[in-house]
């Protein structure tokens, strides 16, 4: 008996505004459970709280709160956090990325002397932070595995070389 493969991507949960609150766009959706699955948390309450904290940390620049929330959901789904640590890192990556884009947009739209430069400088610092966050996530996912890639070698006359993958065996 073979498992069926779903045709196309699984639809993401969406939210909408109801008064001043975000609610699931489809009433049959258990938003807490779906966010928990997307974010890599075992506890749905923690997923909702972390999602709300992330939403509050991101500048909206006049955009609809539901639009930003749905963008966050999509970004987290793309990053695919597998556990709570990855969920926290992914949330930070999303927040810092958004702040960088807002700073760059503001820098391009200002006529005040020195303000654009300071915004560019701050964006540069945040981009460096963002790169470090991505590297930390990558290192966590590799679980300490290291990869050595050799792109160019010289084999002198009389020497021997092994070409291919070499796995170190047990103690000899």
N, C-alpha and C. Protein backbone atom coordinates (compact mmCIF):
# COMPACT_ATOMS: atom_id res chain seq x y z
N UNK A 1 0.86 -1.18 0.00
CA UNK A 1 0.00 0.00 0.00
C UNK A 1 0.90 1.24 0.00
N UNK A 2 0.76 2.07 -1.00
CA UNK A 2 1.62 3.25 -1.10
C UNK A 2 0.88 4.49 -0.62
N UNK A 3 1.65 5.42 -0.07
CA UNK A 3 1.09 6.68 0.40
C UNK A 3 0.87 7.60 -0.79
N UNK A 4 -0.22 8.30 -0.77
CA UNK A 4 -0.48 9.21 -1.88
C UNK A 4 0.27 10.52 -1.66
N UNK A 5 0.78 11.06 -2.74
CA UNK A 5 1.51 12.31 -2.69
C UNK A 5 0.53 13.42 -3.03
N UNK A 6 0.43 14.45 -2.16
CA UNK A 6 -0.50 15.53 -2.46
C UNK A 6 -0.10 16.27 -3.72
N UNK A 7 -1.09 16.66 -4.50
CA UNK A 7 -0.84 17.42 -5.72
C UNK A 7 -0.67 18.89 -5.36
N UNK A 8 0.55 19.39 -5.46
CA UNK A 8 0.81 20.80 -5.17
C UNK A 8 1.07 21.03 -3.70
N UNK A 9 1.41 22.26 -3.38
CA UNK A 9 1.73 22.59 -1.98
C UNK A 9 0.49 22.58 -1.10
N UNK A 10 0.72 22.29 0.18
CA UNK A 10 -0.35 22.32 1.16
C UNK A 10 -0.72 23.79 1.40
N UNK A 11 -2.01 24.13 1.35
CA UNK A 11 -2.37 25.54 1.57
C UNK A 11 -2.03 25.99 2.99
N UNK A 12 -1.53 27.20 3.08
CA UNK A 12 -1.17 27.76 4.39
C UNK A 12 -2.40 28.34 5.07
N UNK A 13 -2.40 28.34 6.40
CA UNK A 13 -3.50 29.01 7.08
C UNK A 13 -3.41 30.52 6.81
N UNK A 14 -4.53 31.15 6.71
CA UNK A 14 -4.59 32.60 6.48
C UNK A 14 -5.39 33.22 7.59
N UNK A 15 -5.10 34.50 7.86
CA UNK A 15 -5.83 35.23 8.88
C UNK A 15 -6.50 36.44 8.26
N UNK A 16 -7.48 36.96 8.99
CA UNK A 16 -8.17 38.19 8.58
C UNK A 16 -8.46 38.97 9.85
N UNK A 17 -8.77 40.23 9.66
CA UNK A 17 -9.11 41.08 10.80
C UNK A 17 -10.59 40.92 11.13
N UNK A 18 -10.88 40.80 12.40
CA UNK A 18 -12.26 40.81 12.89
C UNK A 18 -12.26 41.80 14.05
N UNK A 19 -12.71 43.02 13.76
CA UNK A 19 -12.57 44.10 14.73
C UNK A 19 -11.09 44.45 14.81
N UNK A 20 -10.53 44.37 16.01
CA UNK A 20 -9.10 44.64 16.16
C UNK A 20 -8.30 43.35 16.36
N UNK A 21 -8.95 42.21 16.15
CA UNK A 21 -8.30 40.92 16.37
C UNK A 21 -8.05 40.18 15.07
N UNK A 22 -6.97 39.42 15.05
CA UNK A 22 -6.70 38.51 13.94
C UNK A 22 -7.40 37.19 14.22
N UNK A 23 -8.09 36.67 13.23
CA UNK A 23 -8.76 35.38 13.36
C UNK A 23 -8.46 34.56 12.11
N UNK A 24 -8.66 33.26 12.22
CA UNK A 24 -8.46 32.40 11.06
C UNK A 24 -9.42 32.81 9.95
N UNK A 25 -8.91 32.87 8.73
CA UNK A 25 -9.74 33.28 7.59
C UNK A 25 -10.83 32.24 7.30
N UNK A 26 -10.53 30.97 7.58
CA UNK A 26 -11.51 29.91 7.39
C UNK A 26 -11.90 29.39 8.76
N UNK A 27 -13.18 29.34 9.04
CA UNK A 27 -13.64 28.96 10.38
C UNK A 27 -13.25 27.54 10.76
N UNK A 28 -13.06 26.67 9.79
CA UNK A 28 -12.71 25.28 10.10
C UNK A 28 -11.24 25.14 10.49
N UNK A 29 -10.47 26.21 10.36
CA UNK A 29 -9.04 26.16 10.64
C UNK A 29 -8.76 26.32 12.13
N UNK A 30 -7.97 25.42 12.68
CA UNK A 30 -7.47 25.57 14.04
C UNK A 30 -6.14 26.30 13.92
N UNK A 31 -6.21 27.62 13.98
CA UNK A 31 -5.05 28.47 13.72
C UNK A 31 -3.89 28.14 14.66
N UNK A 32 -4.18 27.92 15.93
CA UNK A 32 -3.13 27.63 16.90
C UNK A 32 -2.38 26.35 16.52
N UNK A 33 -3.11 25.32 16.17
CA UNK A 33 -2.47 24.05 15.80
C UNK A 33 -1.68 24.18 14.49
N UNK A 34 -2.22 24.90 13.53
CA UNK A 34 -1.53 25.06 12.25
C UNK A 34 -0.28 25.91 12.40
N UNK A 35 -0.34 26.97 13.21
CA UNK A 35 0.86 27.77 13.46
C UNK A 35 1.90 26.94 14.20
N UNK A 36 1.45 26.13 15.13
CA UNK A 36 2.35 25.26 15.87
C UNK A 36 3.09 24.32 14.91
N UNK A 37 2.37 23.75 13.96
CA UNK A 37 2.98 22.85 12.99
C UNK A 37 3.96 23.59 12.08
N UNK A 38 3.59 24.78 11.63
CA UNK A 38 4.45 25.56 10.74
C UNK A 38 5.71 26.02 11.47
N UNK A 39 5.54 26.44 12.72
CA UNK A 39 6.65 27.04 13.46
C UNK A 39 7.56 26.02 14.16
N UNK A 40 7.15 24.78 14.23
CA UNK A 40 7.99 23.77 14.86
C UNK A 40 7.83 23.67 16.37
N UNK A 41 6.80 24.29 16.92
CA UNK A 41 6.55 24.21 18.35
C UNK A 41 5.65 23.02 18.65
N UNK A 42 5.86 22.39 19.80
CA UNK A 42 4.96 21.32 20.23
C UNK A 42 3.73 21.89 20.91
N UNK A 43 3.87 23.05 21.53
CA UNK A 43 2.78 23.67 22.28
C UNK A 43 2.12 24.76 21.43
N UNK A 44 0.84 24.63 21.18
CA UNK A 44 0.12 25.58 20.34
C UNK A 44 0.05 26.97 20.99
N UNK A 45 -0.07 27.02 22.30
CA UNK A 45 -0.10 28.31 22.99
C UNK A 45 1.20 29.08 22.82
N UNK A 46 2.31 28.37 22.89
CA UNK A 46 3.61 29.00 22.68
C UNK A 46 3.74 29.49 21.24
N UNK A 47 3.21 28.73 20.30
CA UNK A 47 3.25 29.14 18.90
C UNK A 47 2.47 30.43 18.69
N UNK A 48 1.28 30.53 19.27
CA UNK A 48 0.46 31.73 19.12
C UNK A 48 1.17 32.93 19.76
N UNK A 49 1.71 32.74 20.97
CA UNK A 49 2.40 33.84 21.65
C UNK A 49 3.63 34.29 20.87
N UNK A 50 4.40 33.35 20.36
CA UNK A 50 5.59 33.70 19.57
C UNK A 50 5.21 34.40 18.28
N UNK A 51 4.14 33.94 17.65
CA UNK A 51 3.67 34.57 16.42
C UNK A 51 3.22 36.00 16.70
N UNK A 52 2.50 36.20 17.79
CA UNK A 52 2.02 37.54 18.15
C UNK A 52 3.21 38.46 18.46
N UNK A 53 4.21 37.95 19.16
CA UNK A 53 5.41 38.74 19.45
C UNK A 53 6.12 39.13 18.16
N UNK A 54 6.23 38.20 17.23
CA UNK A 54 6.87 38.49 15.95
C UNK A 54 6.08 39.54 15.18
N UNK A 55 4.78 39.40 15.16
CA UNK A 55 3.93 40.37 14.46
C UNK A 55 4.08 41.76 15.06
N UNK A 56 4.17 41.85 16.38
CA UNK A 56 4.33 43.15 17.04
C UNK A 56 5.71 43.75 16.79
N UNK A 57 6.72 42.91 16.53
CA UNK A 57 8.09 43.39 16.33
C UNK A 57 8.33 43.90 14.91
N UNK A 58 7.43 43.61 14.01
CA UNK A 58 7.64 43.97 12.61
C UNK A 58 6.92 45.27 12.28
N UNK A 59 7.65 46.24 11.71
CA UNK A 59 6.99 47.49 11.32
C UNK A 59 6.01 47.24 10.17
N UNK A 60 4.85 47.87 10.26
CA UNK A 60 3.82 47.64 9.24
C UNK A 60 3.82 48.72 8.16
N UNK A 61 4.38 49.86 8.44
CA UNK A 61 4.46 50.94 7.43
C UNK A 61 3.11 51.19 6.74
N UNK A 62 2.05 51.21 7.53
CA UNK A 62 0.73 51.50 6.99
C UNK A 62 0.05 50.32 6.33
N UNK A 63 0.72 49.17 6.26
CA UNK A 63 0.10 48.00 5.64
C UNK A 63 -0.86 47.34 6.61
N UNK A 64 -1.81 46.65 6.05
CA UNK A 64 -2.82 45.94 6.81
C UNK A 64 -2.17 44.87 7.71
N UNK A 65 -2.60 44.79 8.95
CA UNK A 65 -2.04 43.84 9.90
C UNK A 65 -2.22 42.40 9.42
N UNK A 66 -3.37 42.10 8.82
CA UNK A 66 -3.62 40.74 8.33
C UNK A 66 -2.67 40.40 7.17
N UNK A 67 -2.38 41.37 6.31
CA UNK A 67 -1.45 41.14 5.21
C UNK A 67 -0.06 40.80 5.74
N UNK A 68 0.40 41.57 6.72
CA UNK A 68 1.70 41.30 7.33
C UNK A 68 1.69 39.93 8.01
N UNK A 69 0.63 39.62 8.73
CA UNK A 69 0.54 38.33 9.42
C UNK A 69 0.60 37.17 8.43
N UNK A 70 -0.12 37.30 7.31
CA UNK A 70 -0.10 36.25 6.30
C UNK A 70 1.27 36.14 5.63
N UNK A 71 1.96 37.26 5.49
CA UNK A 71 3.32 37.24 4.94
C UNK A 71 4.26 36.53 5.90
N UNK A 72 4.10 36.77 7.20
CA UNK A 72 4.92 36.10 8.21
C UNK A 72 4.68 34.59 8.16
N UNK A 73 3.42 34.19 8.08
CA UNK A 73 3.09 32.76 8.01
C UNK A 73 3.78 32.13 6.80
N UNK A 74 3.70 32.79 5.65
CA UNK A 74 4.32 32.26 4.43
C UNK A 74 5.84 32.17 4.58
N UNK A 75 6.46 33.20 5.17
CA UNK A 75 7.92 33.21 5.35
C UNK A 75 8.35 32.08 6.29
N UNK A 76 7.64 31.91 7.38
CA UNK A 76 7.98 30.83 8.32
C UNK A 76 7.78 29.46 7.68
N UNK A 77 6.74 29.32 6.88
CA UNK A 77 6.50 28.04 6.19
C UNK A 77 7.64 27.74 5.22
N UNK A 78 8.17 28.77 4.56
CA UNK A 78 9.29 28.58 3.64
C UNK A 78 10.56 28.19 4.38
N UNK A 79 10.78 28.76 5.56
CA UNK A 79 11.99 28.46 6.34
C UNK A 79 11.92 27.09 7.01
N UNK A 80 10.71 26.58 7.21
CA UNK A 80 10.47 25.24 7.75
C UNK A 80 11.20 24.94 9.07
N UNK A 81 10.95 25.71 10.12
CA UNK A 81 11.58 25.38 11.40
C UNK A 81 11.12 24.00 11.89
N UNK A 82 12.07 23.25 12.44
CA UNK A 82 11.77 21.87 12.85
C UNK A 82 11.62 21.72 14.36
N UNK A 83 12.04 22.72 15.12
CA UNK A 83 11.93 22.66 16.57
C UNK A 83 11.85 24.08 17.11
N UNK A 84 11.75 24.20 18.43
CA UNK A 84 11.56 25.51 19.04
C UNK A 84 12.74 26.45 18.78
N UNK A 85 13.96 25.92 18.85
CA UNK A 85 15.13 26.76 18.59
C UNK A 85 15.11 27.30 17.17
N UNK A 86 14.81 26.45 16.21
CA UNK A 86 14.71 26.90 14.83
C UNK A 86 13.57 27.89 14.65
N UNK A 87 12.47 27.68 15.37
CA UNK A 87 11.35 28.62 15.28
C UNK A 87 11.76 30.00 15.73
N UNK A 88 12.52 30.06 16.83
CA UNK A 88 12.98 31.35 17.35
C UNK A 88 13.94 32.00 16.36
N UNK A 89 14.88 31.23 15.83
CA UNK A 89 15.82 31.77 14.84
C UNK A 89 15.10 32.24 13.57
N UNK A 90 14.15 31.44 13.11
CA UNK A 90 13.41 31.82 11.90
C UNK A 90 12.59 33.08 12.12
N UNK A 91 12.00 33.21 13.30
CA UNK A 91 11.25 34.43 13.61
C UNK A 91 12.17 35.64 13.61
N UNK A 92 13.36 35.48 14.18
CA UNK A 92 14.32 36.58 14.18
C UNK A 92 14.76 36.93 12.76
N UNK A 93 14.98 35.93 11.94
CA UNK A 93 15.39 36.16 10.55
C UNK A 93 14.31 36.95 9.81
N UNK A 94 13.06 36.56 9.99
CA UNK A 94 11.95 37.26 9.33
C UNK A 94 11.86 38.70 9.82
N UNK A 95 11.95 38.91 11.13
CA UNK A 95 11.84 40.26 11.69
C UNK A 95 12.97 41.16 11.21
N UNK A 96 14.20 40.68 11.28
CA UNK A 96 15.34 41.50 10.88
C UNK A 96 15.28 41.79 9.38
N UNK A 97 14.90 40.81 8.59
CA UNK A 97 14.77 41.04 7.14
C UNK A 97 13.77 42.15 6.84
N UNK A 98 12.66 42.13 7.52
CA UNK A 98 11.63 43.16 7.32
C UNK A 98 12.17 44.54 7.74
N UNK A 99 12.87 44.60 8.85
CA UNK A 99 13.43 45.87 9.31
C UNK A 99 14.44 46.42 8.31
N UNK A 100 15.25 45.56 7.74
CA UNK A 100 16.22 46.00 6.73
C UNK A 100 15.50 46.63 5.54
N UNK A 101 14.47 45.96 5.06
CA UNK A 101 13.74 46.48 3.90
C UNK A 101 13.07 47.82 4.21
N UNK A 102 12.53 47.95 5.40
CA UNK A 102 11.91 49.22 5.80
C UNK A 102 12.97 50.32 5.88
N UNK A 103 14.12 50.03 6.47
CA UNK A 103 15.19 51.02 6.57
C UNK A 103 15.68 51.45 5.18
N UNK A 104 15.85 50.50 4.29
CA UNK A 104 16.30 50.84 2.94
C UNK A 104 15.25 51.67 2.20
N UNK A 105 14.00 51.34 2.38
CA UNK A 105 12.92 52.13 1.76
C UNK A 105 12.92 53.55 2.30
N UNK A 106 13.05 53.68 3.62
CA UNK A 106 13.08 55.01 4.23
C UNK A 106 14.32 55.79 3.80
N UNK A 107 15.45 55.13 3.67
CA UNK A 107 16.68 55.81 3.25
C UNK A 107 16.54 56.36 1.83
N UNK A 108 15.87 55.62 0.98
CA UNK A 108 15.68 56.07 -0.41
C UNK A 108 14.68 57.21 -0.52
N UNK A 109 13.81 57.34 0.46
CA UNK A 109 12.74 58.34 0.35
C UNK A 109 12.98 59.60 1.17
N UNK A 110 14.17 59.76 1.75
CA UNK A 110 14.42 60.95 2.57
C UNK A 110 15.28 61.95 1.82
N UNK A 111 15.03 63.21 2.10
CA UNK A 111 15.83 64.30 1.54
C UNK A 111 16.70 64.97 2.60
N UNK A 112 16.61 64.48 3.83
CA UNK A 112 17.37 65.08 4.91
C UNK A 112 18.82 64.62 4.87
N UNK A 113 19.70 65.59 4.93
CA UNK A 113 21.12 65.28 4.86
C UNK A 113 21.55 64.44 6.06
N UNK A 114 22.26 63.39 5.80
CA UNK A 114 22.77 62.53 6.85
C UNK A 114 21.81 61.44 7.29
N UNK A 115 20.52 61.66 7.13
CA UNK A 115 19.54 60.66 7.57
C UNK A 115 19.61 59.40 6.70
N UNK A 116 19.72 59.58 5.40
CA UNK A 116 19.81 58.42 4.51
C UNK A 116 21.04 57.59 4.84
N UNK A 117 22.18 58.28 5.06
CA UNK A 117 23.42 57.57 5.36
C UNK A 117 23.30 56.78 6.67
N UNK A 118 22.68 57.36 7.68
CA UNK A 118 22.54 56.65 8.95
C UNK A 118 21.61 55.45 8.79
N UNK A 119 20.58 55.59 7.96
CA UNK A 119 19.68 54.45 7.73
C UNK A 119 20.38 53.35 6.94
N UNK A 120 21.20 53.73 5.96
CA UNK A 120 21.97 52.74 5.22
C UNK A 120 22.95 52.02 6.16
N UNK A 121 23.59 52.77 7.05
CA UNK A 121 24.54 52.17 7.98
C UNK A 121 23.84 51.19 8.93
N UNK A 122 22.67 51.55 9.42
CA UNK A 122 21.92 50.66 10.29
C UNK A 122 21.45 49.42 9.52
N UNK A 123 21.00 49.62 8.28
CA UNK A 123 20.59 48.49 7.45
C UNK A 123 21.76 47.53 7.23
N UNK A 124 22.95 48.10 7.02
CA UNK A 124 24.13 47.26 6.83
C UNK A 124 24.41 46.42 8.07
N UNK A 125 24.29 47.02 9.25
CA UNK A 125 24.50 46.27 10.50
C UNK A 125 23.46 45.16 10.65
N UNK A 126 22.22 45.48 10.31
CA UNK A 126 21.17 44.47 10.42
C UNK A 126 21.36 43.35 9.40
N UNK A 127 21.88 43.68 8.22
CA UNK A 127 22.16 42.65 7.22
C UNK A 127 23.25 41.70 7.72
N UNK A 128 24.25 42.23 8.41
CA UNK A 128 25.29 41.39 8.99
C UNK A 128 24.70 40.49 10.07
N UNK A 129 23.82 41.06 10.89
CA UNK A 129 23.14 40.26 11.92
C UNK A 129 22.31 39.17 11.26
N UNK A 130 21.60 39.53 10.20
CA UNK A 130 20.76 38.58 9.49
C UNK A 130 21.59 37.42 8.93
N UNK A 131 22.74 37.75 8.36
CA UNK A 131 23.63 36.71 7.84
C UNK A 131 24.08 35.78 8.97
N UNK A 132 24.40 36.34 10.12
CA UNK A 132 24.81 35.51 11.26
C UNK A 132 23.66 34.62 11.72
N UNK A 133 22.45 35.14 11.71
CA UNK A 133 21.29 34.33 12.09
C UNK A 133 21.10 33.16 11.13
N UNK A 134 21.26 33.42 9.84
CA UNK A 134 21.11 32.37 8.84
C UNK A 134 22.21 31.32 9.02
N UNK A 135 23.43 31.77 9.29
CA UNK A 135 24.53 30.83 9.52
C UNK A 135 24.29 29.99 10.78
N UNK A 136 23.75 30.60 11.81
CA UNK A 136 23.43 29.87 13.04
C UNK A 136 22.37 28.82 12.78
N UNK A 137 21.34 29.18 12.02
CA UNK A 137 20.30 28.22 11.66
C UNK A 137 20.89 27.07 10.85
N UNK A 138 21.74 27.40 9.89
CA UNK A 138 22.37 26.38 9.06
C UNK A 138 23.23 25.44 9.91
N UNK A 139 24.01 26.00 10.82
CA UNK A 139 24.86 25.17 11.69
C UNK A 139 24.02 24.27 12.58
N UNK A 140 22.91 24.80 13.10
CA UNK A 140 22.02 23.98 13.93
C UNK A 140 21.43 22.83 13.12
N UNK A 141 21.06 23.10 11.89
CA UNK A 141 20.48 22.06 11.04
C UNK A 141 21.49 21.00 10.66
N UNK A 142 22.74 21.37 10.53
CA UNK A 142 23.78 20.40 10.19
C UNK A 142 24.24 19.63 11.41
N UNK A 143 23.83 20.03 12.59
CA UNK A 143 24.17 19.35 13.85
C UNK A 143 25.67 19.13 13.99
N UNK A 144 26.45 20.15 13.67
CA UNK A 144 27.89 20.08 13.87
C UNK A 144 28.66 19.38 12.77
N UNK A 145 27.97 18.86 11.75
CA UNK A 145 28.67 18.22 10.65
C UNK A 145 29.47 19.27 9.90
N UNK A 146 30.67 18.90 9.53
CA UNK A 146 31.49 19.81 8.76
C UNK A 146 31.71 19.24 7.38
N UNK A 147 31.83 20.12 6.42
CA UNK A 147 32.03 19.73 5.04
C UNK A 147 33.30 20.39 4.55
N UNK A 148 34.16 19.59 3.95
CA UNK A 148 35.37 20.13 3.36
C UNK A 148 35.27 19.90 1.86
N UNK A 149 35.32 20.97 1.12
CA UNK A 149 35.22 20.86 -0.33
C UNK A 149 36.56 21.28 -0.92
N UNK A 150 37.17 20.38 -1.66
CA UNK A 150 38.45 20.67 -2.30
C UNK A 150 38.17 20.87 -3.78
N UNK A 151 38.50 22.03 -4.26
CA UNK A 151 38.19 22.35 -5.65
C UNK A 151 39.38 22.21 -6.59
N UNK A 152 40.60 22.21 -6.05
CA UNK A 152 41.77 22.16 -6.93
C UNK A 152 42.90 21.45 -6.20
N UNK A 153 43.48 20.45 -6.85
CA UNK A 153 44.61 19.76 -6.24
C UNK A 153 45.71 19.58 -7.28
N UNK A 154 46.91 19.42 -6.80
CA UNK A 154 48.06 19.10 -7.65
C UNK A 154 48.58 17.74 -7.22
N UNK A 155 48.77 16.85 -8.16
CA UNK A 155 49.37 15.54 -7.90
C UNK A 155 50.68 15.51 -8.65
N UNK A 156 51.75 15.50 -7.88
CA UNK A 156 53.08 15.50 -8.48
C UNK A 156 53.46 14.11 -8.96
N UNK A 157 54.42 14.04 -9.86
CA UNK A 157 54.89 12.78 -10.41
C UNK A 157 55.37 11.89 -9.27
N UNK A 158 54.92 10.63 -9.31
CA UNK A 158 55.30 9.67 -8.29
C UNK A 158 54.38 9.67 -7.08
N UNK A 159 53.43 10.59 -7.03
CA UNK A 159 52.48 10.67 -5.92
C UNK A 159 51.23 9.87 -6.23
N UNK A 160 50.44 9.62 -5.22
CA UNK A 160 49.16 8.93 -5.38
C UNK A 160 48.06 9.78 -4.77
N UNK A 161 46.88 9.64 -5.33
CA UNK A 161 45.74 10.39 -4.80
C UNK A 161 44.49 9.53 -4.91
N UNK A 162 43.54 9.79 -4.02
CA UNK A 162 42.24 9.14 -4.07
C UNK A 162 41.25 10.21 -4.52
N UNK A 163 40.52 9.89 -5.56
CA UNK A 163 39.50 10.82 -6.05
C UNK A 163 38.15 10.25 -5.68
N UNK A 164 37.35 11.02 -4.97
CA UNK A 164 36.02 10.58 -4.57
C UNK A 164 35.77 10.86 -3.11
N UNK A 165 34.71 10.31 -2.59
CA UNK A 165 34.32 10.51 -1.20
C UNK A 165 35.12 9.59 -0.31
N UNK A 166 35.72 10.13 0.73
CA UNK A 166 36.49 9.33 1.68
C UNK A 166 35.80 9.44 3.03
N UNK A 167 35.39 8.31 3.57
CA UNK A 167 34.78 8.26 4.89
C UNK A 167 35.77 7.67 5.86
N UNK A 168 35.93 8.33 6.98
CA UNK A 168 36.85 7.83 7.99
C UNK A 168 36.16 6.68 8.73
N UNK A 169 36.86 5.56 8.84
CA UNK A 169 36.29 4.39 9.51
C UNK A 169 36.50 4.49 11.00
N UNK A 170 36.19 3.42 11.68
CA UNK A 170 36.40 3.35 13.13
C UNK A 170 37.87 3.30 13.47
N UNK A 171 38.19 3.11 14.74
CA UNK A 171 39.59 3.06 15.19
C UNK A 171 40.28 1.87 14.56
N UNK A 172 41.46 2.11 14.02
CA UNK A 172 42.22 1.02 13.38
C UNK A 172 43.41 0.67 14.21
